[in-house]
Protein backbone atom coordinates (compact mmCIF):
# COMPACT_ATOMS: atom_id res chain seq x y z
CA UNK A 1 -11.09 45.52 -4.90
CA UNK A 2 -7.54 44.80 -6.23
CA UNK A 3 -6.59 44.39 -2.74
CA UNK A 4 -9.52 41.78 -2.24
CA UNK A 5 -8.24 39.71 -5.62
CA UNK A 6 -4.59 39.84 -4.01
CA UNK A 7 -6.04 38.47 -0.70
CA UNK A 8 -7.89 35.79 -2.55
CA UNK A 9 -4.54 34.45 -4.66
CA UNK A 10 -2.64 34.74 -1.59
CA UNK A 11 -4.97 32.51 0.28
CA UNK A 12 -5.22 30.02 -2.22
CA UNK A 13 -1.25 29.59 -2.16
CA UNK A 14 -1.73 28.00 1.33
CA UNK A 15 -4.51 25.90 0.54
CA UNK A 16 -3.34 22.50 -0.22
CA UNK A 17 -4.34 21.62 -3.79
CA UNK A 18 -5.12 17.98 -4.46
CA UNK A 19 -4.24 16.37 -7.93
CA UNK A 20 -7.60 15.83 -9.54
CA UNK A 21 -8.07 11.83 -10.21
CA UNK A 22 -5.37 10.57 -7.91
CA UNK A 23 -5.68 8.11 -5.12
CA UNK A 24 -6.68 9.56 -1.48
CA UNK A 25 -6.30 7.95 1.72
CA UNK A 26 -8.92 5.56 2.71
CA UNK A 27 -11.04 5.02 6.30
CA UNK A 28 -8.06 2.50 6.86
CA UNK A 29 -5.22 3.98 8.18
CA UNK A 30 -2.69 1.41 6.33
CA UNK A 31 -4.83 0.26 3.21
CA UNK A 32 -6.37 1.91 0.29
CA UNK A 33 -7.83 -0.73 -2.10
CA UNK A 34 -9.45 1.43 -4.94
CA UNK A 35 -8.92 -1.05 -7.26
CA UNK A 36 -11.30 -3.40 -5.00
CA UNK A 37 -9.06 -6.17 -5.37
CA UNK A 38 -8.38 -7.06 -1.65
CA UNK A 39 -10.72 -8.97 0.65
CA UNK A 40 -12.00 -7.74 3.94
CA UNK A 41 -9.70 -10.31 5.63
CA UNK A 42 -6.92 -9.19 4.01
CA UNK A 43 -7.51 -5.46 4.88
CA UNK A 44 -7.66 -6.32 8.60
CA UNK A 45 -4.73 -8.36 8.42
CA UNK A 46 -2.55 -5.53 7.11
CA UNK A 47 -4.13 -2.93 9.31
CA UNK A 48 -3.33 -5.08 12.32
CA UNK A 49 0.51 -5.82 11.61
CA UNK A 50 1.16 -2.56 9.95
CA UNK A 51 -0.13 -1.07 13.34
CA UNK A 52 2.21 -3.59 15.26
CA UNK A 53 5.17 -2.26 13.18
CA UNK A 54 4.24 1.38 13.76
CA UNK A 55 3.92 0.97 17.69
CA UNK A 56 6.96 -1.38 17.80
CA UNK A 57 9.68 0.06 15.59
CA UNK A 58 7.80 3.45 14.28
CA UNK A 59 7.59 1.92 10.78
CA UNK A 60 4.74 3.04 8.62
CA UNK A 61 3.82 0.05 6.02
CA UNK A 62 1.01 0.94 3.58
CA UNK A 63 -0.54 -0.93 0.96
CA UNK A 64 -2.28 0.98 -1.99
CA UNK A 65 -4.20 0.00 -5.15
CA UNK A 66 -5.67 1.85 -8.06
CA UNK A 67 -7.54 0.85 -11.06
CA UNK A 68 -5.15 2.49 -13.35
CA UNK A 69 -2.44 5.18 -13.42
CA UNK A 70 -4.24 6.85 -16.35
CA UNK A 71 -1.41 9.32 -18.31
CA UNK A 72 0.94 9.19 -15.11
CA UNK A 73 4.09 6.91 -14.95
CA UNK A 74 4.28 4.36 -12.42
CA UNK A 75 7.32 5.81 -10.53
CA UNK A 76 5.80 9.26 -10.16
CA UNK A 77 2.43 8.25 -9.20
CA UNK A 78 3.81 5.88 -6.42
CA UNK A 79 6.06 8.61 -5.25
CA UNK A 80 3.03 11.10 -5.33
CA UNK A 81 1.24 8.33 -2.68
CA UNK A 82 4.38 7.99 -0.85
CA UNK A 83 4.39 11.49 -0.13
CA UNK A 84 1.03 12.77 -0.08
CA UNK A 85 0.10 9.75 2.56
CA UNK A 86 2.82 11.11 4.63
CA UNK A 87 4.60 7.65 4.88
CA UNK A 88 7.90 9.04 5.67
CA UNK A 89 11.61 8.02 5.84
CA UNK A 90 10.71 5.06 8.02
CA UNK A 91 8.18 3.91 5.58
CA UNK A 92 7.36 1.17 2.77
CA UNK A 93 4.60 1.48 0.19
CA UNK A 94 3.34 -1.20 -1.88
CA UNK A 95 1.74 0.50 -4.83
CA UNK A 96 -0.53 -1.77 -7.36
CA UNK A 97 -2.22 -0.72 -10.70
CA UNK A 98 -4.61 -3.35 -11.27
CA UNK A 99 -5.58 -2.71 -14.99
CA UNK A 100 -2.04 -1.61 -15.64
CA UNK A 101 -0.71 -4.68 -14.20
CA UNK A 102 2.02 -2.80 -12.61
CA UNK A 103 3.60 -2.87 -9.25
CA UNK A 104 5.89 -0.86 -7.29
CA UNK A 105 7.44 -1.16 -3.59
CA UNK A 106 8.70 2.41 -2.42
CA UNK A 107 10.60 2.70 0.78
CA UNK A 108 12.18 5.68 3.13
CA UNK A 109 15.69 5.97 3.22
CA UNK A 110 15.94 4.81 7.00
CA UNK A 111 14.99 1.48 5.43
CA UNK A 112 17.53 0.99 2.77
CA UNK A 113 19.74 -0.94 4.46
CA UNK A 114 16.83 -3.58 5.61
CA UNK A 115 15.51 -3.57 2.04
CA UNK A 116 17.93 -3.11 -0.65
CA UNK A 117 16.43 -2.38 -4.44
CA UNK A 118 17.96 -5.80 -5.23
CA UNK A 119 15.87 -7.73 -2.60
CA UNK A 120 12.94 -5.52 -3.52
CA UNK A 121 13.04 -6.44 -6.98
CA UNK A 122 13.50 -10.37 -6.21
CA UNK A 123 10.68 -10.41 -3.60
CA UNK A 124 8.31 -9.24 -5.90
CA UNK A 125 9.43 -11.61 -8.58
CA UNK A 126 9.44 -14.62 -6.06
CA UNK A 127 6.31 -13.93 -3.58
CA UNK A 128 3.85 -11.94 -5.50
CA UNK A 129 4.10 -11.99 -9.55
CA UNK A 130 3.54 -15.66 -9.89
CA UNK A 131 0.14 -14.97 -7.85
CA UNK A 132 -0.77 -11.54 -9.83
CA UNK A 133 0.01 -13.16 -13.06
CA UNK A 134 -2.78 -15.39 -12.65
CA UNK A 135 -4.85 -12.65 -11.54
CA UNK A 136 -4.67 -13.56 -7.70
CA UNK A 137 -4.33 -10.11 -6.54
CA UNK A 138 -5.49 -10.71 -2.92
CA UNK A 139 -3.11 -13.73 -2.14
CA UNK A 140 -0.31 -12.02 -4.11
CA UNK A 141 -0.65 -8.90 -2.00
CA UNK A 142 -0.80 -10.66 1.13
CA UNK A 143 2.09 -13.06 0.47
CA UNK A 144 4.16 -9.94 -0.82
CA UNK A 145 3.15 -8.00 2.41
CA UNK A 146 4.08 -10.80 4.73
CA UNK A 147 7.60 -11.34 2.72
CA UNK A 148 8.64 -7.62 3.16
CA UNK A 149 7.08 -7.77 6.85
CA UNK A 150 9.29 -10.74 8.10
CA UNK A 151 12.38 -8.92 6.60
CA UNK A 152 11.67 -6.11 8.41
CA UNK A 153 11.53 -7.99 11.61
CA UNK A 154 14.61 -9.93 10.95
CA UNK A 155 16.48 -7.15 10.29
CA UNK A 156 15.60 -5.57 13.79
CA UNK A 157 15.56 -8.99 15.49
CA UNK A 158 11.73 -8.92 15.97
CA UNK A 159 9.93 -12.00 16.33
CA UNK A 160 7.78 -12.66 13.14
CA UNK A 161 7.49 -16.38 13.53
CA UNK A 162 3.43 -16.51 13.20
CA UNK A 163 3.57 -15.16 9.89
CA UNK A 164 3.49 -17.73 6.92
CA UNK A 165 5.31 -17.01 3.44
CA UNK A 166 5.44 -19.11 0.74
CA UNK A 167 7.55 -19.09 -2.52
CA UNK A 168 4.79 -18.34 -4.92
CA UNK A 169 7.00 -19.89 -7.79
CA UNK A 170 6.50 -23.51 -6.19
CA UNK A 171 2.55 -22.98 -5.07
CA UNK A 172 2.32 -26.80 -5.89
CA UNK A 173 4.75 -27.68 -2.88
CA UNK A 174 1.80 -28.80 -0.58
CA UNK A 175 0.42 -31.28 -3.35
CA UNK A 176 4.19 -32.39 -4.09
CA UNK A 177 3.73 -36.30 -3.38
CA UNK A 178 0.64 -36.44 -5.40
CA UNK A 179 1.84 -34.45 -8.16
CA UNK A 180 4.96 -36.79 -8.36
CA UNK A 181 2.65 -39.79 -8.45
CA UNK A 182 0.64 -38.25 -11.30
CA UNK A 183 3.77 -37.48 -13.19
CA UNK A 184 4.77 -41.19 -12.92
CA UNK A 185 1.83 -42.54 -14.21
CA UNK A 186 1.35 -40.09 -17.22
CA UNK A 187 4.99 -40.32 -18.00
CA UNK A 188 4.83 -44.11 -18.08
CA UNK A 189 1.59 -44.09 -20.25
CA UNK A 190 3.08 -41.50 -22.44
CA UNK A 191 6.23 -43.54 -22.78
CA UNK A 192 4.45 -46.61 -23.54
CA UNK A 193 2.48 -44.95 -26.16
CA UNK A 194 5.33 -43.03 -27.94
CA UNK A 195 7.13 -46.11 -28.20
CA UNK A 196 4.12 -47.58 -30.39
CA UNK A 197 4.37 -44.44 -32.70
CA UNK A 198 8.07 -44.80 -32.98
CA UNK A 199 7.69 -48.31 -33.79
CA UNK A 200 5.30 -47.73 -36.31
CA UNK A 201 7.61 -45.30 -37.70
CA UNK A 202 10.32 -47.51 -38.09
CA UNK A 203 8.06 -50.18 -39.76
CA UNK A 204 7.06 -47.55 -42.10
CA UNK A 205 10.38 -45.98 -42.70
CA UNK A 206 10.34 -47.32 -46.52
CA UNK A 207 6.70 -45.96 -47.19
CA UNK A 208 4.91 -43.09 -46.74
CA UNK A 209 1.75 -44.26 -45.15
CA UNK A 210 1.18 -42.92 -41.86
CA UNK A 211 5.42 -41.82 -41.16
CA UNK A 212 4.74 -38.30 -40.89
CA UNK A 213 1.82 -38.41 -38.72
CA UNK A 214 3.45 -41.05 -36.28
CA UNK A 215 6.66 -38.81 -36.14
CA UNK A 216 4.57 -35.63 -35.27
CA UNK A 217 2.66 -37.58 -32.56
CA UNK A 218 6.06 -39.02 -31.18
CA UNK A 219 7.41 -35.49 -31.00
CA UNK A 220 4.59 -34.15 -29.16
CA UNK A 221 4.52 -37.09 -26.36
CA UNK A 222 8.23 -36.05 -26.11
CA UNK A 223 7.67 -32.66 -25.60
CA UNK A 224 4.96 -33.45 -22.90
CA UNK A 225 7.52 -36.19 -21.00
CA UNK A 226 10.10 -33.28 -20.92
CA UNK A 227 8.02 -30.73 -19.43
CA UNK A 228 6.48 -33.18 -16.81
CA UNK A 229 10.25 -33.98 -16.30
CA UNK A 230 10.95 -30.69 -15.31
CA UNK A 231 8.40 -30.01 -13.21
CA UNK A 232 9.21 -33.34 -11.56
CA UNK A 233 12.75 -31.77 -10.53
CA UNK A 234 11.58 -28.13 -9.66
CA UNK A 235 9.22 -30.13 -7.06
CA UNK A 236 11.93 -32.90 -5.91
CA UNK A 237 15.09 -33.31 -8.06
CA UNK A 238 15.37 -36.98 -6.91
CA UNK A 239 11.91 -37.94 -8.34
CA UNK A 240 13.60 -37.68 -11.63
CA UNK A 241 15.23 -40.82 -11.27
CA UNK A 242 12.11 -42.88 -9.98
CA UNK A 243 10.09 -41.42 -12.77
CA UNK A 244 12.86 -42.33 -15.32
CA UNK A 245 12.81 -46.02 -14.14
CA UNK A 246 9.26 -46.31 -14.53
CA UNK A 247 9.53 -44.91 -18.21
CA UNK A 248 12.18 -47.02 -18.72
CA UNK A 249 10.50 -50.17 -17.47
CA UNK A 250 7.13 -48.92 -19.66
CA UNK A 251 9.46 -48.60 -22.89
CA UNK A 252 10.97 -51.98 -22.63
CA UNK A 253 7.50 -53.70 -22.20
CA UNK A 254 6.15 -51.89 -25.25
CA UNK A 255 9.34 -52.73 -27.16
CA UNK A 256 9.22 -56.24 -26.44
CA UNK A 257 5.73 -56.35 -27.35
CA UNK A 258 6.17 -54.60 -30.64
CA UNK A 259 9.40 -56.56 -31.23
CA UNK A 260 7.45 -59.84 -31.10
CA UNK A 261 4.88 -58.50 -33.54
CA UNK A 262 7.67 -57.66 -35.86
CA UNK A 263 9.31 -61.18 -35.72
CA UNK A 264 6.21 -62.48 -36.39
CA UNK A 265 5.49 -60.60 -39.52
């Protein structure tokens, strides 16, 4: 009987023991979406391009999402996935924990020259986080995946021109002209309005009537104007000059109108 128990214990030592609750590979070779945040289109997209990288450069590129990492820390969980999926020294893993709102990118040591830790952090901030902060996991993952893909291809001089990667900090870039026109209109209108608040405040400076209210409204309008100026500067720095000219015109028009009223009084 003792020999039997010894045999069973010895056998168990050679059986791979899975960690209960941790993610396992899915039916798709390069994608595991336990958090259910990726569309079928994105899964196919990753599968196709990752297969190309594997066939062309022997690089394993995986994307794995989980609902949460429970009591594990992000680094340990991500490293577990990297090792248990056999991603290898020429591999890259994008790991996402949805409920924890955490993301980590691990790479094999052979890719450290192509993807430095500084570049990984910068690309996450630029290409992924703006999407993920708005709960847009699908587009954030796709944009980040494509950004790392292009960086790898560029490093190894492989054509990746068919992939489009957007700087997610400036998602409004496609609608730039319309947004700038809207800012011109809104800023001009606000400038016209806050001139009225200021003139009323000036007229009532010796009185208590509505003085505080007019100053508060003036400050609110000024803050909105500054924020819109900043947005316009991000989209197109030169547009600030055009917006400022329209604002000054609106302010002068309202000032002249109010000044005539004051003279009549």
